[in-house]
PDB file of N, CA and C in Angstrom:
ATOM      1  N   UNK A   1     106.119  34.930 244.926  1.00  0.00           N
ATOM      2  CA  UNK A   1     105.619  35.214 243.493  1.00  0.00           C
ATOM      3  C   UNK A   1     106.390  34.341 242.505  1.00  0.00           C
ATOM      4  N   UNK A   2     105.442  34.001 241.599  1.00  0.00           N
ATOM      5  CA  UNK A   2     106.081  33.314 240.537  1.00  0.00           C
ATOM      6  C   UNK A   2     106.478  33.972 239.282  1.00  0.00           C
ATOM      7  N   UNK A   3     107.627  33.700 238.644  1.00  0.00           N
ATOM      8  CA  UNK A   3     108.245  34.424 237.481  1.00  0.00           C
ATOM      9  C   UNK A   3     108.854  33.360 236.506  1.00  0.00           C
ATOM     10  N   UNK A   4     107.973  32.682 235.754  1.00  0.00           N
ATOM     11  CA  UNK A   4     108.498  31.708 234.866  1.00  0.00           C
ATOM     12  C   UNK A   4     109.587  32.275 233.883  1.00  0.00           C
ATOM     13  N   UNK A   5     110.680  31.506 233.749  1.00  0.00           N
ATOM     14  CA  UNK A   5     111.774  31.853 233.020  1.00  0.00           C
ATOM     15  C   UNK A   5     111.460  31.810 231.529  1.00  0.00           C
ATOM     16  N   UNK A   6     110.627  30.908 231.108  1.00  0.00           N
ATOM     17  CA  UNK A   6     110.266  30.801 229.642  1.00  0.00           C
ATOM     18  C   UNK A   6     109.475  31.971 228.996  1.00  0.00           C
ATOM     19  N   UNK A   7     108.968  32.848 229.783  1.00  0.00           N
ATOM     20  CA  UNK A   7     108.264  33.901 229.422  1.00  0.00           C
ATOM     21  C   UNK A   7     109.003  35.197 229.299  1.00  0.00           C
ATOM     22  N   UNK A   8     108.326  36.190 228.459  1.00  0.00           N
ATOM     23  CA  UNK A   8     109.139  37.477 228.393  1.00  0.00           C
ATOM     24  C   UNK A   8     108.137  38.346 229.049  1.00  0.00           C
ATOM     25  N   UNK A   9     108.420  39.382 229.637  1.00  0.00           N
ATOM     26  CA  UNK A   9     107.621  40.263 230.308  1.00  0.00           C
ATOM     27  C   UNK A   9     107.851  41.870 230.089  1.00  0.00           C
ATOM     28  N   UNK A  10     106.668  42.474 230.307  1.00  0.00           N
ATOM     29  CA  UNK A  10     106.815  43.982 229.806  1.00  0.00           C
ATOM     30  C   UNK A  10     106.862  44.950 231.244  1.00  0.00           C
ATOM     31  N   UNK A  11     107.258  46.123 231.203  1.00  0.00           N
ATOM     32  CA  UNK A  11     107.150  47.028 232.430  1.00  0.00           C
ATOM     33  C   UNK A  11     105.583  47.240 232.674  1.00  0.00           C
ATOM     34  N   UNK A  12     104.797  47.039 232.075  1.00  0.00           N
ATOM     35  CA  UNK A  12     103.454  47.169 232.409  1.00  0.00           C
ATOM     36  C   UNK A  12     102.563  45.926 232.833  1.00  0.00           C
ATOM     37  N   UNK A  13     103.435  44.893 233.339  1.00  0.00           N
ATOM     38  CA  UNK A  13     102.978  43.714 233.761  1.00  0.00           C
ATOM     39  C   UNK A  13     102.207  42.809 233.105  1.00  0.00           C
ATOM     40  N   UNK A  14     102.593  42.610 231.701  1.00  0.00           N
ATOM     41  CA  UNK A  14     101.902  41.752 231.006  1.00  0.00           C
ATOM     42  C   UNK A  14     103.013  40.579 230.658  1.00  0.00           C
ATOM     43  N   UNK A  15     102.739  39.517 230.418  1.00  0.00           N
ATOM     44  CA  UNK A  15     103.618  38.335 229.854  1.00  0.00           C
ATOM     45  C   UNK A  15     103.474  38.099 228.654  1.00  0.00           C
ATOM     46  N   UNK A  16     104.305  37.219 227.987  1.00  0.00           N
ATOM     47  CA  UNK A  16     104.002  36.890 226.477  1.00  0.00           C
ATOM     48  C   UNK A  16     104.842  35.527 226.164  1.00  0.00           C
ATOM     49  N   UNK A  17     104.299  34.701 225.612  1.00  0.00           N
ATOM     50  CA  UNK A  17     104.793  33.357 225.431  1.00  0.00           C
ATOM     51  C   UNK A  17     104.838  33.048 223.982  1.00  0.00           C
ATOM     52  N   UNK A  18     105.844  32.673 223.312  1.00  0.00           N
ATOM     53  CA  UNK A  18     105.786  32.641 221.864  1.00  0.00           C
ATOM     54  C   UNK A  18     105.404  30.928 221.606  1.00  0.00           C
ATOM     55  N   UNK A  19     104.532  30.627 220.813  1.00  0.00           N
ATOM     56  CA  UNK A  19     103.955  29.401 220.738  1.00  0.00           C
ATOM     57  C   UNK A  19     104.857  28.868 219.400  1.00  0.00           C
ATOM     58  N   UNK A  20     104.870  27.516 219.288  1.00  0.00           N
ATOM     59  CA  UNK A  20     105.482  26.882 218.064  1.00  0.00           C
ATOM     60  C   UNK A  20     105.121  26.847 216.837  1.00  0.00           C
ATOM     61  N   UNK A  21     103.658  27.182 216.832  1.00  0.00           N
ATOM     62  CA  UNK A  21     102.903  27.785 215.665  1.00  0.00           C
ATOM     63  C   UNK A  21     102.996  29.138 215.129  1.00  0.00           C
ATOM     64  N   UNK A  22     103.706  30.009 215.974  1.00  0.00           N
ATOM     65  CA  UNK A  22     104.052  31.068 215.399  1.00  0.00           C
ATOM     66  C   UNK A  22     103.022  32.224 216.097  1.00  0.00           C
ATOM     67  N   UNK A  23     102.144  31.869 216.824  1.00  0.00           N
ATOM     68  CA  UNK A  23     101.103  32.786 217.556  1.00  0.00           C
ATOM     69  C   UNK A  23     101.696  32.991 218.800  1.00  0.00           C
ATOM     70  N   UNK A  24     101.325  34.001 219.590  1.00  0.00           N
ATOM     71  CA  UNK A  24     101.583  34.259 220.894  1.00  0.00           C
ATOM     72  C   UNK A  24     100.484  34.346 221.894  1.00  0.00           C
ATOM     73  N   UNK A  25     100.739  34.165 223.286  1.00  0.00           N
ATOM     74  CA  UNK A  25      99.686  33.946 224.270  1.00  0.00           C
ATOM     75  C   UNK A  25     100.060  35.128 225.194  1.00  0.00           C
ATOM     76  N   UNK A  26      99.289  35.844 225.541  1.00  0.00           N
ATOM     77  CA  UNK A  26      99.443  37.170 226.308  1.00  0.00           C
ATOM     78  C   UNK A  26      98.390  36.995 227.685  1.00  0.00           C
ATOM     79  N   UNK A  27      99.231  37.364 228.925  1.00  0.00           N
ATOM     80  CA  UNK A  27      98.427  37.370 230.066  1.00  0.00           C
ATOM     81  C   UNK A  27      98.975  38.539 230.931  1.00  0.00           C
ATOM     82  N   UNK A  28      98.443  38.640 232.159  1.00  0.00           N
ATOM     83  CA  UNK A  28      99.120  39.549 233.086  1.00  0.00           C
ATOM     84  C   UNK A  28      99.785  38.704 234.268  1.00  0.00           C
ATOM     85  N   UNK A  29     100.810  39.385 234.805  1.00  0.00           N
ATOM     86  CA  UNK A  29     101.775  38.757 235.650  1.00  0.00           C
ATOM     87  C   UNK A  29     101.130  38.336 237.129  1.00  0.00           C
ATOM     88  N   UNK A  30     101.850  37.567 237.787  1.00  0.00           N
ATOM     89  CA  UNK A  30     101.311  37.141 239.208  1.00  0.00           C
ATOM     90  C   UNK A  30     101.495  38.342 239.957  1.00  0.00           C
ATOM     91  N   UNK A  31     102.498  39.254 239.691  1.00  0.00           N
ATOM     92  CA  UNK A  31     102.612  40.460 240.563  1.00  0.00           C
ATOM     93  C   UNK A  31     101.270  41.394 240.215  1.00  0.00           C
ATOM     94  N   UNK A  32     101.094  41.555 238.807  1.00  0.00           N
ATOM     95  CA  UNK A  32     100.086  42.284 238.555  1.00  0.00           C
ATOM     96  C   UNK A  32      98.660  41.919 239.142  1.00  0.00           C
ATOM     97  N   UNK A  33      98.365  40.571 239.212  1.00  0.00           N
ATOM     98  CA  UNK A  33      97.014  40.243 239.748  1.00  0.00           C
ATOM     99  C   UNK A  33      97.091  40.221 241.126  1.00  0.00           C
ATOM    100  N   UNK A  34      98.212  40.093 241.977  1.00  0.00           N
ATOM    101  CA  UNK A  34      98.362  40.445 243.360  1.00  0.00           C
ATOM    102  C   UNK A  34      98.049  41.909 243.631  1.00  0.00           C
ATOM    103  N   UNK A  35      98.709  42.735 242.944  1.00  0.00           N
ATOM    104  CA  UNK A  35      98.475  44.162 243.105  1.00  0.00           C
ATOM    105  C   UNK A  35      96.991  44.535 242.819  1.00  0.00           C
ATOM    106  N   UNK A  36      96.121  43.937 241.743  1.00  0.00           N
ATOM    107  CA  UNK A  36      94.864  44.251 241.608  1.00  0.00           C
ATOM    108  C   UNK A  36      93.763  43.757 242.590  1.00  0.00           C
ATOM    109  N   UNK A  37      94.066  42.673 243.122  1.00  0.00           N
ATOM    110  CA  UNK A  37      93.259  42.033 243.869  1.00  0.00           C
ATOM    111  C   UNK A  37      92.091  41.127 243.317  1.00  0.00           C
ATOM    112  N   UNK A  38      91.141  40.824 243.835  1.00  0.00           N
ATOM    113  CA  UNK A  38      90.031  40.003 243.051  1.00  0.00           C
ATOM    114  C   UNK A  38      89.679  40.621 241.885  1.00  0.00           C
ATOM    115  N   UNK A  39      89.867  39.793 240.742  1.00  0.00           N
ATOM    116  CA  UNK A  39      89.505  40.223 239.548  1.00  0.00           C
ATOM    117  C   UNK A  39      88.195  39.627 239.108  1.00  0.00           C
ATOM    118  N   UNK A  40      87.188  40.648 238.766  1.00  0.00           N
ATOM    119  CA  UNK A  40      85.733  40.342 238.601  1.00  0.00           C
ATOM    120  C   UNK A  40      85.260  40.503 237.175  1.00  0.00           C
ATOM    121  N   UNK A  41      86.235  41.074 236.160  1.00  0.00           N
ATOM    122  CA  UNK A  41      85.659  41.265 234.643  1.00  0.00           C
ATOM    123  C   UNK A  41      86.780  41.310 233.884  1.00  0.00           C
ATOM    124  N   UNK A  42      86.987  40.818 232.852  1.00  0.00           N
ATOM    125  CA  UNK A  42      88.081  41.163 231.707  1.00  0.00           C
ATOM    126  C   UNK A  42      87.360  41.591 230.476  1.00  0.00           C
ATOM    127  N   UNK A  43      87.666  42.787 230.022  1.00  0.00           N
ATOM    128  CA  UNK A  43      86.821  43.430 228.889  1.00  0.00           C
ATOM    129  C   UNK A  43      87.927  43.391 227.658  1.00  0.00           C
ATOM    130  N   UNK A  44      87.871  42.590 226.651  1.00  0.00           N
ATOM    131  CA  UNK A  44      88.691  42.513 225.591  1.00  0.00           C
ATOM    132  C   UNK A  44      87.705  42.271 224.343  1.00  0.00           C
ATOM    133  N   UNK A  45      87.575  43.421 223.533  1.00  0.00           N
ATOM    134  CA  UNK A  45      86.670  43.180 222.384  1.00  0.00           C
ATOM    135  C   UNK A  45      87.261  43.461 221.144  1.00  0.00           C
ATOM    136  N   UNK A  46      88.673  43.216 221.278  1.00  0.00           N
ATOM    137  CA  UNK A  46      89.718  43.633 220.061  1.00  0.00           C
ATOM    138  C   UNK A  46      89.870  42.384 219.201  1.00  0.00           C
ATOM    139  N   UNK A  47      89.279  41.347 219.280  1.00  0.00           N
ATOM    140  CA  UNK A  47      89.671  40.138 218.325  1.00  0.00           C
ATOM    141  C   UNK A  47      89.489  40.489 216.939  1.00  0.00           C
ATOM    142  N   UNK A  48      90.391  40.203 216.239  1.00  0.00           N
ATOM    143  CA  UNK A  48      90.588  40.634 214.650  1.00  0.00           C
ATOM    144  C   UNK A  48      91.183  42.126 214.384  1.00  0.00           C
ATOM    145  N   UNK A  49      91.492  42.630 215.454  1.00  0.00           N
ATOM    146  CA  UNK A  49      92.013  43.920 215.401  1.00  0.00           C
ATOM    147  C   UNK A  49      93.533  44.044 215.535  1.00  0.00           C
ATOM    148  N   UNK A  50      94.353  44.775 214.760  1.00  0.00           N
ATOM    149  CA  UNK A  50      95.770  44.829 214.849  1.00  0.00           C
ATOM    150  C   UNK A  50      96.016  46.169 215.675  1.00  0.00           C
ATOM    151  N   UNK A  51      97.169  45.879 216.490  1.00  0.00           N
ATOM    152  CA  UNK A  51      97.594  46.895 217.397  1.00  0.00           C
ATOM    153  C   UNK A  51      99.255  47.052 217.332  1.00  0.00           C
ATOM    154  N   UNK A  52      99.322  47.891 217.736  1.00  0.00           N
ATOM    155  CA  UNK A  52     101.157  48.352 217.739  1.00  0.00           C
ATOM    156  C   UNK A  52     101.584  48.000 219.237  1.00  0.00           C
ATOM    157  N   UNK A  53     102.812  47.644 219.331  1.00  0.00           N
ATOM    158  CA  UNK A  53     103.412  47.290 220.827  1.00  0.00           C
ATOM    159  C   UNK A  53     102.994  48.668 221.679  1.00  0.00           C
ATOM    160  N   UNK A  54     102.352  48.292 222.919  1.00  0.00           N
ATOM    161  CA  UNK A  54     102.047  49.312 223.785  1.00  0.00           C
ATOM    162  C   UNK A  54     100.613  49.972 223.742  1.00  0.00           C
ATOM    163  N   UNK A  55      99.907  49.506 222.725  1.00  0.00           N
ATOM    164  CA  UNK A  55      98.677  50.153 222.554  1.00  0.00           C
ATOM    165  C   UNK A  55      97.652  49.530 223.552  1.00  0.00           C
ATOM    166  N   UNK A  56      96.610  49.920 224.123  1.00  0.00           N
ATOM    167  CA  UNK A  56      95.566  49.247 224.967  1.00  0.00           C
ATOM    168  C   UNK A  56      94.843  48.178 224.082  1.00  0.00           C
ATOM    169  N   UNK A  57      94.679  47.185 224.299  1.00  0.00           N
ATOM    170  CA  UNK A  57      93.843  46.102 223.666  1.00  0.00           C
ATOM    171  C   UNK A  57      92.654  45.654 224.731  1.00  0.00           C
ATOM    172  N   UNK A  58      92.539  46.071 225.775  1.00  0.00           N
ATOM    173  CA  UNK A  58      91.545  45.787 226.747  1.00  0.00           C
ATOM    174  C   UNK A  58      91.727  46.297 228.229  1.00  0.00           C
ATOM    175  N   UNK A  59      90.915  45.821 229.046  1.00  0.00           N
ATOM    176  CA  UNK A  59      90.989  46.130 230.497  1.00  0.00           C
ATOM    177  C   UNK A  59      90.556  45.107 231.467  1.00  0.00           C
ATOM    178  N   UNK A  60      91.164  45.212 232.673  1.00  0.00           N
ATOM    179  CA  UNK A  60      90.784  44.321 233.614  1.00  0.00           C
ATOM    180  C   UNK A  60      89.989  44.968 234.863  1.00  0.00           C
ATOM    181  N   UNK A  61      89.067  44.260 235.291  1.00  0.00           N
ATOM    182  CA  UNK A  61      88.301  45.173 236.263  1.00  0.00           C
ATOM    183  C   UNK A  61      88.473  44.386 237.691  1.00  0.00           C
ATOM    184  N   UNK A  62      88.983  44.991 238.643  1.00  0.00           N
ATOM    185  CA  UNK A  62      89.210  44.268 239.796  1.00  0.00           C
ATOM    186  C   UNK A  62      88.220  45.054 241.032  1.00  0.00           C
ATOM    187  N   UNK A  63      87.894  44.410 241.977  1.00  0.00           N
ATOM    188  CA  UNK A  63      86.848  44.925 242.939  1.00  0.00           C
ATOM    189  C   UNK A  63      87.343  46.509 243.209  1.00  0.00           C
ATOM    190  N   UNK A  64      88.565  46.894 243.336  1.00  0.00           N
ATOM    191  CA  UNK A  64      88.961  48.464 243.504  1.00  0.00           C
ATOM    192  C   UNK A  64      89.317  49.356 242.443  1.00  0.00           C
ATOM    193  N   UNK A  65      89.629  48.637 241.338  1.00  0.00           N
ATOM    194  CA  UNK A  65      90.023  49.369 240.290  1.00  0.00           C
ATOM    195  C   UNK A  65      89.937  48.802 238.909  1.00  0.00           C
ATOM    196  N   UNK A  66      90.100  49.493 237.896  1.00  0.00           N
ATOM    197  CA  UNK A  66      90.130  49.094 236.614  1.00  0.00           C
ATOM    198  C   UNK A  66      91.734  49.331 235.748  1.00  0.00           C
ATOM    199  N   UNK A  67      92.209  48.431 235.376  1.00  0.00           N
ATOM    200  CA  UNK A  67      93.609  48.768 234.733  1.00  0.00           C
ATOM    201  C   UNK A  67      93.746  48.187 233.202  1.00  0.00           C
ATOM    202  N   UNK A  68      94.292  49.132 232.354  1.00  0.00           N
ATOM    203  CA  UNK A  68      94.320  48.817 230.967  1.00  0.00           C
ATOM    204  C   UNK A  68      95.329  47.740 230.737  1.00  0.00           C
ATOM    205  N   UNK A  69      94.948  47.035 229.534  1.00  0.00           N
ATOM    206  CA  UNK A  69      96.069  45.905 229.086  1.00  0.00           C
ATOM    207  C   UNK A  69      96.760  46.430 227.973  1.00  0.00           C
ATOM    208  N   UNK A  70      97.936  46.330 227.881  1.00  0.00           N
ATOM    209  CA  UNK A  70      98.904  46.787 226.832  1.00  0.00           C
ATOM    210  C   UNK A  70      99.274  45.666 226.068  1.00  0.00           C
ATOM    211  N   UNK A  71      99.274  45.805 224.750  1.00  0.00           N
ATOM    212  CA  UNK A  71      99.925  44.774 223.861  1.00  0.00           C
ATOM    213  C   UNK A  71     101.497  44.697 224.135  1.00  0.00           C
ATOM    214  N   UNK A  72     102.292  43.687 224.205  1.00  0.00           N
ATOM    215  CA  UNK A  72     103.573  43.349 224.521  1.00  0.00           C
ATOM    216  C   UNK A  72     104.421  43.667 223.103  1.00  0.00           C
ATOM    217  N   UNK A  73     103.731  43.273 222.001  1.00  0.00           N
ATOM    218  CA  UNK A  73     104.326  43.318 220.755  1.00  0.00           C
ATOM    219  C   UNK A  73     103.380  43.765 219.620  1.00  0.00           C
ATOM    220  N   UNK A  74     103.822  44.089 218.438  1.00  0.00           N
ATOM    221  CA  UNK A  74     103.000  44.341 217.394  1.00  0.00           C
ATOM    222  C   UNK A  74     102.141  43.125 217.074  1.00  0.00           C
ATOM    223  N   UNK A  75     100.878  43.135 216.781  1.00  0.00           N
ATOM    224  CA  UNK A  75     100.144  42.085 216.045  1.00  0.00           C
ATOM    225  C   UNK A  75      98.564  42.180 216.160  1.00  0.00           C
ATOM    226  N   UNK A  76      98.119  41.042 215.812  1.00  0.00           N
ATOM    227  CA  UNK A  76      96.615  41.083 215.510  1.00  0.00           C
ATOM    228  C   UNK A  76      96.043  39.999 216.529  1.00  0.00           C
ATOM    229  N   UNK A  77      94.868  40.485 217.370  1.00  0.00           N
ATOM    230  CA  UNK A  77      94.392  39.701 218.342  1.00  0.00           C
ATOM    231  C   UNK A  77      93.588  38.630 217.711  1.00  0.00           C
ATOM    232  N   UNK A  78      93.873  37.456 218.109  1.00  0.00           N
ATOM    233  CA  UNK A  78      93.177  36.230 217.375  1.00  0.00           C
ATOM    234  C   UNK A  78      91.885  35.975 218.085  1.00  0.00           C
ATOM    235  N   UNK A  79      92.110  35.819 219.544  1.00  0.00           N
ATOM    236  CA  UNK A  79      91.021  35.424 220.181  1.00  0.00           C
ATOM    237  C   UNK A  79      91.252  35.658 221.564  1.00  0.00           C
ATOM    238  N   UNK A  80      90.096  35.938 222.314  1.00  0.00           N
ATOM    239  CA  UNK A  80      90.023  36.081 223.903  1.00  0.00           C
ATOM    240  C   UNK A  80      89.907  34.750 224.447  1.00  0.00           C
ATOM    241  N   UNK A  81      90.592  34.528 225.461  1.00  0.00           N
ATOM    242  CA  UNK A  81      90.408  33.186 226.290  1.00  0.00           C
ATOM    243  C   UNK A  81      88.887  32.991 226.697  1.00  0.00           C
ATOM    244  N   UNK A  82      88.197  31.926 225.956  1.00  0.00           N
ATOM    245  CA  UNK A  82      86.854  31.952 226.450  1.00  0.00           C
ATOM    246  C   UNK A  82      86.579  31.675 228.148  1.00  0.00           C
ATOM    247  N   UNK A  83      87.585  31.021 228.641  1.00  0.00           N
ATOM    248  CA  UNK A  83      87.115  30.502 230.040  1.00  0.00           C
ATOM    249  C   UNK A  83      87.343  31.738 230.997  1.00  0.00           C
ATOM    250  N   UNK A  84      87.956  32.822 230.561  1.00  0.00           N
ATOM    251  CA  UNK A  84      87.954  34.050 231.629  1.00  0.00           C
ATOM    252  C   UNK A  84      86.849  34.974 231.457  1.00  0.00           C
ATOM    253  N   UNK A  85      85.958  34.638 230.278  1.00  0.00           N
ATOM    254  CA  UNK A  85      84.682  35.199 230.233  1.00  0.00           C
ATOM    255  C   UNK A  85      83.839  34.858 231.316  1.00  0.00           C
ATOM    256  N   UNK A  86      83.711  33.533 231.607  1.00  0.00           N
ATOM    257  CA  UNK A  86      82.874  33.000 232.513  1.00  0.00           C
ATOM    258  C   UNK A  86      83.456  33.034 233.774  1.00  0.00           C
ATOM    259  N   UNK A  87      84.894  32.847 233.971  1.00  0.00           N
ATOM    260  CA  UNK A  87      85.686  32.909 235.264  1.00  0.00           C
ATOM    261  C   UNK A  87      86.719  33.806 235.278  1.00  0.00           C
ATOM    262  N   UNK A  88      86.505  34.994 235.372  1.00  0.00           N
ATOM    263  CA  UNK A  88      87.734  36.110 235.303  1.00  0.00           C
ATOM    264  C   UNK A  88      88.531  35.868 236.405  1.00  0.00           C
ATOM    265  N   UNK A  89      88.307  35.143 237.675  1.00  0.00           N
ATOM    266  CA  UNK A  89      89.032  34.926 238.734  1.00  0.00           C
ATOM    267  C   UNK A  89      90.153  34.056 238.366  1.00  0.00           C
ATOM    268  N   UNK A  90      90.154  33.367 237.317  1.00  0.00           N
ATOM    269  CA  UNK A  90      91.357  32.734 236.849  1.00  0.00           C
ATOM    270  C   UNK A  90      92.562  33.403 236.633  1.00  0.00           C
ATOM    271  N   UNK A  91      92.376  34.625 236.326  1.00  0.00           N
ATOM    272  CA  UNK A  91      93.457  35.676 236.288  1.00  0.00           C
ATOM    273  C   UNK A  91      94.125  35.584 237.615  1.00  0.00           C
ATOM    274  N   UNK A  92      93.780  35.404 238.675  1.00  0.00           N
ATOM    275  CA  UNK A  92      94.033  35.429 240.239  1.00  0.00           C
ATOM    276  C   UNK A  92      94.519  34.073 240.491  1.00  0.00           C
ATOM    277  N   UNK A  93      93.987  33.176 240.104  1.00  0.00           N
ATOM    278  CA  UNK A  93      94.432  31.678 240.619  1.00  0.00           C
ATOM    279  C   UNK A  93      95.484  31.082 239.582  1.00  0.00           C
ATOM    280  N   UNK A  94      95.628  31.276 238.455  1.00  0.00           N
ATOM    281  CA  UNK A  94      96.487  30.757 237.454  1.00  0.00           C
ATOM    282  C   UNK A  94      96.790  31.815 236.382  1.00  0.00           C
ATOM    283  N   UNK A  95      97.468  32.806 236.700  1.00  0.00           N
ATOM    284  CA  UNK A  95      97.715  33.787 235.655  1.00  0.00           C
ATOM    285  C   UNK A  95      98.685  33.311 234.440  1.00  0.00           C
ATOM    286  N   UNK A  96      99.586  32.475 234.818  1.00  0.00           N
ATOM    287  CA  UNK A  96     100.287  32.020 233.591  1.00  0.00           C
ATOM    288  C   UNK A  96      99.879  30.798 232.952  1.00  0.00           C
ATOM    289  N   UNK A  97      98.622  30.020 233.404  1.00  0.00           N
ATOM    290  CA  UNK A  97      98.180  28.979 232.882  1.00  0.00           C
ATOM    291  C   UNK A  97      96.684  29.048 232.346  1.00  0.00           C
ATOM    292  N   UNK A  98      95.782  28.946 232.962  1.00  0.00           N
ATOM    293  CA  UNK A  98      94.269  28.934 232.557  1.00  0.00           C
ATOM    294  C   UNK A  98      94.008  30.221 232.521  1.00  0.00           C
ATOM    295  N   UNK A  99      94.580  31.263 233.057  1.00  0.00           N
ATOM    296  CA  UNK A  99      94.202  32.457 233.111  1.00  0.00           C
ATOM    297  C   UNK A  99      94.797  33.502 231.877  1.00  0.00           C
ATOM    298  N   UNK A 100      95.306  32.935 231.073  1.00  0.00           N
ATOM    299  CA  UNK A 100      95.832  33.542 229.847  1.00  0.00           C
ATOM    300  C   UNK A 100      94.662  34.603 229.197  1.00  0.00           C
ATOM    301  N   UNK A 101      95.043  35.683 228.641  1.00  0.00           N
ATOM    302  CA  UNK A 101      93.984  36.502 228.194  1.00  0.00           C
ATOM    303  C   UNK A 101      93.668  36.520 226.783  1.00  0.00           C
ATOM    304  N   UNK A 102      94.942  36.718 225.986  1.00  0.00           N
ATOM    305  CA  UNK A 102      94.519  36.589 224.387  1.00  0.00           C
ATOM    306  C   UNK A 102      95.563  35.717 223.699  1.00  0.00           C
ATOM    307  N   UNK A 103      95.249  35.418 222.573  1.00  0.00           N
ATOM    308  CA  UNK A 103      96.276  34.730 221.613  1.00  0.00           C
ATOM    309  C   UNK A 103      96.221  35.982 220.669  1.00  0.00           C
ATOM    310  N   UNK A 104      97.589  35.941 220.000  1.00  0.00           N
ATOM    311  CA  UNK A 104      98.005  37.092 219.153  1.00  0.00           C
ATOM    312  C   UNK A 104      98.791  36.470 218.091  1.00  0.00           C
ATOM    313  N   UNK A 105      98.506  37.127 216.764  1.00  0.00           N
ATOM    314  CA  UNK A 105      99.411  36.703 215.644  1.00  0.00           C
ATOM    315  C   UNK A 105     100.398  37.981 215.594  1.00  0.00           C
ATOM    316  N   UNK A 106     101.559  37.681 215.796  1.00  0.00           N
ATOM    317  CA  UNK A 106     102.623  38.839 215.762  1.00  0.00           C
ATOM    318  C   UNK A 106     102.731  39.222 214.292  1.00  0.00           C
ATOM    319  N   UNK A 107     103.167  40.670 214.100  1.00  0.00           N
ATOM    320  CA  UNK A 107     103.357  40.969 212.643  1.00  0.00           C
ATOM    321  C   UNK A 107     104.810  40.457 212.407  1.00  0.00           C
ATOM    322  N   UNK A 108     105.221  40.590 211.150  1.00  0.00           N
ATOM    323  CA  UNK A 108     106.721  40.151 210.758  1.00  0.00           C
ATOM    324  C   UNK A 108     107.714  40.305 211.765  1.00  0.00           C
ATOM    325  N   UNK A 109     107.800  41.754 212.044  1.00  0.00           N
ATOM    326  CA  UNK A 109     108.848  42.119 213.002  1.00  0.00           C
ATOM    327  C   UNK A 109     108.425  41.980 214.481  1.00  0.00           C
ATOM    328  N   UNK A 110     107.214  42.207 214.660  1.00  0.00           N
ATOM    329  CA  UNK A 110     106.568  41.967 216.099  1.00  0.00           C
ATOM    330  C   UNK A 110     107.248  43.015 217.037  1.00  0.00           C
ATOM    331  N   UNK A 111     108.273  43.695 216.874  1.00  0.00           N
ATOM    332  CA  UNK A 111     108.709  44.846 217.669  1.00  0.00           C
ATOM    333  C   UNK A 111     108.825  44.253 219.056  1.00  0.00           C
ATOM    334  N   UNK A 112     109.868  43.218 219.314  1.00  0.00           N
ATOM    335  CA  UNK A 112     110.030  42.690 220.559  1.00  0.00           C
ATOM    336  C   UNK A 112     111.105  43.334 221.394  1.00  0.00           C
ATOM    337  N   UNK A 113     111.426  44.710 221.092  1.00  0.00           N
ATOM    338  CA  UNK A 113     112.466  45.438 221.682  1.00  0.00           C
ATOM    339  C   UNK A 113     111.950  45.661 223.087  1.00  0.00           C
ATOM    340  N   UNK A 114     112.644  45.610 224.139  1.00  0.00           N
ATOM    341  CA  UNK A 114     112.179  46.132 225.409  1.00  0.00           C
ATOM    342  C   UNK A 114     111.449  45.331 226.241  1.00  0.00           C
ATOM    343  N   UNK A 115     111.362  44.037 225.758  1.00  0.00           N
ATOM    344  CA  UNK A 115     110.726  42.891 226.572  1.00  0.00           C
ATOM    345  C   UNK A 115     111.808  42.476 227.710  1.00  0.00           C
ATOM    346  N   UNK A 116     111.197  41.886 228.693  1.00  0.00           N
ATOM    347  CA  UNK A 116     112.214  41.809 229.972  1.00  0.00           C
ATOM    348  C   UNK A 116     112.201  40.379 230.004  1.00  0.00           C
ATOM    349  N   UNK A 117     113.394  39.848 230.539  1.00  0.00           N
ATOM    350  CA  UNK A 117     113.434  38.543 231.094  1.00  0.00           C
ATOM    351  C   UNK A 117     112.914  38.251 232.460  1.00  0.00           C
ATOM    352  N   UNK A 118     112.602  36.998 232.886  1.00  0.00           N
ATOM    353  CA  UNK A 118     112.183  37.106 234.102  1.00  0.00           C
ATOM    354  C   UNK A 118     112.915  37.676 235.164  1.00  0.00           C
ATOM    355  N   UNK A 119     114.349  37.488 235.139  1.00  0.00           N
ATOM    356  CA  UNK A 119     115.232  38.080 236.091  1.00  0.00           C
ATOM    357  C   UNK A 119     115.143  39.600 236.008  1.00  0.00           C
ATOM    358  N   UNK A 120     115.042  40.223 234.881  1.00  0.00           N
ATOM    359  CA  UNK A 120     114.886  41.811 234.852  1.00  0.00           C
ATOM    360  C   UNK A 120     113.637  42.124 235.334  1.00  0.00           C
ATOM    361  N   UNK A 121     112.373  41.317 235.031  1.00  0.00           N
ATOM    362  CA  UNK A 121     111.199  41.826 235.682  1.00  0.00           C
ATOM    363  C   UNK A 121     111.215  41.701 237.158  1.00  0.00           C
ATOM    364  N   UNK A 122     111.646  40.527 237.731  1.00  0.00           N
ATOM    365  CA  UNK A 122     111.804  40.675 239.093  1.00  0.00           C
ATOM    366  C   UNK A 122     112.507  41.677 239.625  1.00  0.00           C
ATOM    367  N   UNK A 123     113.619  41.982 239.009  1.00  0.00           N
ATOM    368  CA  UNK A 123     114.155  43.365 239.571  1.00  0.00           C
ATOM    369  C   UNK A 123     113.292  44.606 239.585  1.00  0.00           C
ATOM    370  N   UNK A 124     112.629  44.586 238.491  1.00  0.00           N
ATOM    371  CA  UNK A 124     111.582  45.930 238.023  1.00  0.00           C
ATOM    372  C   UNK A 124     110.753  45.756 239.272  1.00  0.00           C
ATOM    373  N   UNK A 125     110.097  44.803 239.645  1.00  0.00           N
ATOM    374  CA  UNK A 125     108.965  44.916 240.747  1.00  0.00           C
ATOM    375  C   UNK A 125     109.486  44.624 242.186  1.00  0.00           C
ATOM    376  N   UNK A 126     111.006  44.546 242.179  1.00  0.00           N
ATOM    377  CA  UNK A 126     111.523  44.425 243.631  1.00  0.00           C
ATOM    378  C   UNK A 126     111.213  43.219 244.282  1.00  0.00           C
ATOM    379  N   UNK A 127     111.179  42.153 243.506  1.00  0.00           N
ATOM    380  CA  UNK A 127     110.811  40.801 244.058  1.00  0.00           C
ATOM    381  C   UNK A 127     112.062  40.122 244.171  1.00  0.00           C
TER     382      UNK A 127
END
């Protein structure tokens, strides 16, 4: 499994990458997509809405189950990745690249407490 060191992770299996322009990109981890199996639908209708860290901003539907998506930090959802609307399987094939889920505008504080390093996340999932 892949755990890119430049990302931060949550205990709920989302990753977050801070961009140079001050926005953040959020997706699910390689571990999460592996556990879910074949992803068939991503439901995120929260563009333009603000959420607190840990709140549900959407869901991922796999063949066998539906899993909620939790926001890793406080912020406003700017956009859903248009590619996954047409091809949700990108979350399986490229979870850290083309399979990103949302772009986020963090609040001033962002509430980044509790985010995990790649090493800590690997330890959490026993990899």
